Amino acid sequence: MALLYSNASTMESPSSEFKSKGGLKRIFSAIGYSIDGFKAAWKYEHAFRQELMVAVPAAIVALLLPISAFQKLALIAVLGLVLLVELINASIEAVVDRVSLERHPLSKTAKDLGSAAVALAIAMAAATWAVVLYSRFF
């Protein structure tokens, strides 16, 4: 394990100069970074915008449905899951593109795996909605 560290004698973990140290300032910085991330996702990620335009009205519908609070939470949570996985997928794609725009099998694999994760999240959301709506109305 010591070989993973740049200074094995002191066992200090490597860290980036960009990594914050902590405290209240870190919390406010993290909030700012998150807002910047949402802005970037809205501006540059077409899939995120599409999913958000489905998720917001669907969440409103979920709140209005005559179902239990737990079912409402489940319906809204899976919508959030789709958005969350899309953000992670977009970040993977951004890093791959930052490293190189050349076509490479590993770059394709990384992007395909991210896409598969989004597809799985969408399938889980659709299944959750189908089960809840079917159990309520049929």
Protein backbone atom coordinates (compact mmCIF):
# COMPACT_ATOMS: atom_id res chain seq x y z
CA MET A 1 0.00 0.00 0.00
CA ALA A 2 2.88 2.34 0.75
CA LEU A 3 3.85 2.29 -2.91
CA LEU A 4 0.67 4.18 -3.76
CA TYR A 5 1.82 7.24 -1.86
CA SER A 6 4.29 9.76 -3.17
CA ASN A 7 6.03 9.98 0.19
CA ALA A 8 5.99 6.46 1.59
CA SER A 9 8.08 7.34 4.66
CA THR A 10 5.46 9.74 6.09
CA MET A 11 2.46 7.88 4.65
CA GLU A 12 0.84 11.14 3.56
CA SER A 13 -1.90 10.71 1.05
CA PRO A 14 -1.46 12.51 -2.25
CA SER A 15 -3.78 15.43 -2.79
CA SER A 16 -4.42 17.99 -5.42
CA GLU A 17 -3.61 21.62 -4.89
CA PHE A 18 -7.22 22.24 -5.95
CA LYS A 19 -8.65 20.10 -3.15
CA SER A 20 -10.21 22.18 -0.39
CA LYS A 21 -9.17 21.60 3.19
CA GLY A 22 -12.45 21.92 5.08
CA GLY A 23 -14.49 24.25 7.19
CA LEU A 24 -17.46 26.44 6.44
CA LYS A 25 -15.76 27.94 3.40
CA ARG A 26 -15.57 24.44 1.88
CA ILE A 27 -19.33 24.02 2.26
CA PHE A 28 -20.07 27.30 0.51
CA SER A 29 -17.52 26.50 -2.20
CA ALA A 30 -19.14 23.08 -2.72
CA ILE A 31 -22.55 24.71 -3.11
CA GLY A 32 -21.10 27.08 -5.70
CA TYR A 33 -19.45 24.22 -7.58
CA SER A 34 -22.72 22.31 -7.58
CA ILE A 35 -24.61 25.30 -8.97
CA ASP A 36 -21.92 25.66 -11.65
CA GLY A 37 -22.35 21.97 -12.44
CA PHE A 38 -26.11 22.30 -12.86
CA LYS A 39 -25.60 25.36 -15.08
CA ALA A 40 -23.08 23.47 -17.23
CA ALA A 41 -25.39 20.46 -17.48
CA TRP A 42 -28.27 22.67 -18.59
CA LYS A 43 -26.12 24.60 -21.06
CA TYR A 44 -24.09 21.78 -22.62
CA GLU A 45 -25.93 18.49 -22.02
CA HIS A 46 -28.91 18.01 -24.30
CA ALA A 47 -29.83 14.68 -22.68
CA PHE A 48 -29.88 16.29 -19.22
CA ARG A 49 -32.23 19.02 -20.45
CA GLN A 50 -34.54 16.42 -22.02
CA GLU A 51 -34.59 14.31 -18.88
CA LEU A 52 -35.17 17.34 -16.67
CA MET A 53 -38.08 18.43 -18.88
CA VAL A 54 -39.63 15.00 -18.28
CA ALA A 55 -38.68 14.77 -14.60
CA VAL A 56 -40.14 18.09 -13.41
CA PRO A 57 -43.68 17.58 -14.76
CA ALA A 58 -43.56 13.90 -13.77
CA ALA A 59 -42.60 14.87 -10.22
CA ILE A 60 -45.57 17.25 -10.09
CA VAL A 61 -47.84 14.48 -11.35
CA ALA A 62 -46.41 12.14 -8.70
CA LEU A 63 -47.24 14.67 -5.98
CA LEU A 64 -50.81 14.97 -7.25
CA LEU A 65 -51.51 11.24 -7.61
CA PRO A 66 -53.77 9.61 -5.01
CA ILE A 67 -51.02 7.30 -3.72
CA SER A 68 -49.10 6.93 -0.47
CA ALA A 69 -46.32 9.30 0.51
CA PHE A 70 -43.84 6.43 0.15
CA GLN A 71 -45.00 5.76 -3.41
CA LYS A 72 -44.70 9.46 -4.23
CA LEU A 73 -41.19 9.42 -2.83
CA ALA A 74 -40.30 6.34 -4.90
CA LEU A 75 -41.61 7.92 -8.11
CA ILE A 76 -39.71 11.16 -7.53
CA ALA A 77 -36.56 9.38 -6.32
CA VAL A 78 -36.22 7.33 -9.51
CA LEU A 79 -36.57 10.54 -11.54
CA GLY A 80 -33.75 12.01 -9.47
CA LEU A 81 -31.74 8.85 -10.04
CA VAL A 82 -31.97 9.31 -13.81
CA LEU A 83 -30.73 12.90 -13.49
CA LEU A 84 -27.95 11.87 -11.12
CA VAL A 85 -26.69 9.12 -13.42
CA GLU A 86 -26.88 11.48 -16.39
CA LEU A 87 -24.69 14.00 -14.55
CA ILE A 88 -22.14 11.28 -13.77
CA ASN A 89 -22.25 10.10 -17.39
CA ALA A 90 -21.70 13.65 -18.62
CA SER A 91 -18.72 14.04 -16.30
CA ILE A 92 -17.20 10.80 -17.58
CA GLU A 93 -17.65 11.98 -21.16
CA ALA A 94 -16.08 15.35 -20.33
CA VAL A 95 -13.02 13.72 -18.77
CA VAL A 96 -12.61 11.32 -21.70
CA ASP A 97 -12.85 14.23 -24.14
CA ARG A 98 -10.43 16.28 -22.03
CA VAL A 99 -7.84 13.51 -22.13
CA SER A 100 -8.09 13.06 -25.89
CA LEU A 101 -10.51 13.59 -28.73
CA GLU A 102 -8.88 10.75 -30.67
CA ARG A 103 -10.95 7.63 -31.13
CA HIS A 104 -9.76 4.91 -28.79
CA PRO A 105 -11.39 1.64 -27.69
CA LEU A 106 -11.06 2.54 -23.99
CA SER A 107 -12.67 5.94 -24.57
CA LYS A 108 -15.54 4.24 -26.37
CA THR A 109 -15.90 1.71 -23.57
CA ALA A 110 -15.98 4.44 -20.90
CA LYS A 111 -18.64 6.39 -22.79
CA ASP A 112 -20.66 3.26 -23.58
CA LEU A 113 -20.62 2.20 -19.92
CA GLY A 114 -21.88 5.63 -18.89
CA SER A 115 -24.63 5.40 -21.48
CA ALA A 116 -25.56 1.93 -20.25
CA ALA A 117 -25.82 3.29 -16.70
CA VAL A 118 -28.23 5.99 -17.88
CA ALA A 119 -30.28 3.42 -19.80
CA LEU A 120 -30.47 1.23 -16.69
CA ALA A 121 -31.58 4.18 -14.56
CA ILE A 122 -34.29 5.05 -17.09
CA ALA A 123 -35.46 1.41 -17.15
CA MET A 124 -35.61 1.37 -13.35
CA ALA A 125 -37.62 4.59 -13.36
CA ALA A 126 -40.03 3.28 -15.98
CA ALA A 127 -40.49 0.01 -14.07
CA THR A 128 -41.10 1.85 -10.80
CA TRP A 129 -43.69 4.11 -12.41
CA ALA A 130 -45.35 1.14 -14.12
CA VAL A 131 -45.61 -0.86 -10.89
CA VAL A 132 -46.92 2.05 -8.82
CA LEU A 133 -49.44 3.18 -11.43
CA TYR A 134 -50.58 -0.37 -12.17
CA SER A 135 -51.08 -1.17 -8.49
CA ARG A 136 -53.10 2.02 -8.02
CA PHE A 137 -55.28 2.03 -11.10
CA PHE A 138 -55.66 -1.66 -12.11
